[in-house]
Amino acid sequence: MKIFLHRNFEKQYQKLRKGEKLKFKERRNVFLRDPFSLELRNHVLRGQYDGCRSIDITGDLRVIYREEGGGIVSFLAIGTHSELYG
């Protein structure tokens, strides 16, 4: 699997605290081994993110991604629940 980082994701990632960035890297590695690992709480999204999925990074920090096919996944956004869905 290959992960593509959307430009918006990269901008949001740069604003994260150091600990959040480290936790993201840990969870990204779990995602690469098993995208449906229970600790990620991977789930389908509806509404404005229809066709996308979300994984948990920390209690409130989420990543929204879309499967592009051919083993490519696009990480579209990272932020708190209220930042992403509010």
Protein backbone atom coordinates (compact mmCIF):
# COMPACT_ATOMS: atom_id res chain seq x y z
CA MET A 1 0.00 0.00 0.00
CA LYS A 2 1.16 3.52 -0.80
CA ILE A 3 -0.07 6.63 1.03
CA PHE A 4 -0.45 9.93 -0.82
CA LEU A 5 -0.67 13.07 1.37
CA HIS A 6 -3.09 15.68 0.07
CA ARG A 7 -1.88 19.28 0.23
CA ASN A 8 -4.54 20.18 2.83
CA PHE A 9 -3.41 17.25 4.98
CA GLU A 10 0.19 18.45 4.84
CA LYS A 11 -0.82 21.98 5.94
CA GLN A 12 -2.90 20.63 8.84
CA TYR A 13 -0.14 18.21 9.85
CA GLN A 14 2.40 21.03 10.16
CA LYS A 15 0.16 22.71 12.77
CA LEU A 16 0.11 19.65 15.05
CA ARG A 17 2.09 19.47 18.28
CA LYS A 18 5.17 17.26 18.38
CA GLY A 19 3.42 14.54 20.42
CA GLU A 20 0.51 14.45 17.97
CA LYS A 21 2.93 14.07 15.05
CA LEU A 22 4.63 11.14 16.80
CA LYS A 23 1.28 9.48 17.53
CA PHE A 24 0.28 9.95 13.88
CA LYS A 25 3.45 8.18 12.72
CA GLU A 26 2.75 5.28 15.09
CA ARG A 27 -0.83 4.94 13.85
CA ARG A 28 0.24 5.32 10.21
CA ASN A 29 2.54 2.34 10.68
CA VAL A 30 -0.31 0.32 12.20
CA PHE A 31 -2.47 1.38 9.22
CA LEU A 32 0.16 0.17 6.76
CA ARG A 33 0.29 -3.25 8.48
CA ASP A 34 -3.48 -3.59 8.95
CA PRO A 35 -5.86 -0.76 7.93
CA PHE A 36 -8.67 -2.39 9.88
CA SER A 37 -6.80 -2.91 13.16
CA LEU A 38 -9.24 -2.40 16.03
CA GLU A 39 -7.08 0.32 17.60
CA LEU A 40 -7.64 2.54 14.54
CA ARG A 41 -11.45 2.39 14.83
CA ASN A 42 -11.61 2.59 11.01
CA HIS A 43 -15.11 3.55 9.86
CA VAL A 44 -17.05 4.78 6.83
CA LEU A 45 -18.06 8.45 6.64
CA ARG A 46 -21.24 9.98 5.25
CA GLY A 47 -22.38 13.46 4.25
CA GLN A 48 -19.66 15.81 2.99
CA TYR A 49 -17.10 12.98 3.29
CA ASP A 50 -19.21 10.35 1.53
CA GLY A 51 -16.90 7.76 -0.01
CA CYS A 52 -14.20 8.39 2.58
CA ARG A 53 -13.16 6.66 5.78
CA SER A 54 -11.76 7.84 9.09
CA ILE A 55 -9.19 6.43 11.53
CA ASP A 56 -8.43 7.53 15.08
CA ILE A 57 -5.00 8.88 15.93
CA THR A 58 -5.72 9.94 19.53
CA GLY A 59 -8.93 10.26 21.50
CA ASP A 60 -10.04 13.27 19.45
CA LEU A 61 -7.56 13.46 16.55
CA ARG A 62 -8.71 11.84 13.30
CA VAL A 63 -7.43 11.24 9.76
CA ILE A 64 -9.85 11.24 6.84
CA TYR A 65 -8.76 9.16 3.88
CA ARG A 66 -10.00 7.82 0.56
CA GLU A 67 -9.03 4.59 -1.20
CA GLU A 68 -7.91 5.44 -4.72
CA GLY A 69 -7.50 1.89 -6.00
CA GLY A 70 -4.38 0.06 -7.04
CA GLY A 71 -3.11 0.01 -3.46
CA ILE A 72 -3.07 3.81 -3.19
CA VAL A 73 -4.68 5.66 -0.29
CA SER A 74 -5.02 9.45 -0.03
CA PHE A 75 -4.86 11.01 3.43
CA LEU A 76 -7.09 14.05 2.89
CA ALA A 77 -7.31 15.75 6.29
CA ILE A 78 -6.13 15.49 9.89
CA GLY A 79 -7.67 17.30 12.85
CA THR A 80 -9.92 17.08 15.85
CA HIS A 81 -13.48 15.86 15.51
CA SER A 82 -14.85 19.40 15.75
CA GLU A 83 -12.32 20.78 13.23
CA LEU A 84 -13.17 18.13 10.65
CA TYR A 85 -16.90 17.68 11.16
CA GLY A 86 -17.98 20.92 12.83
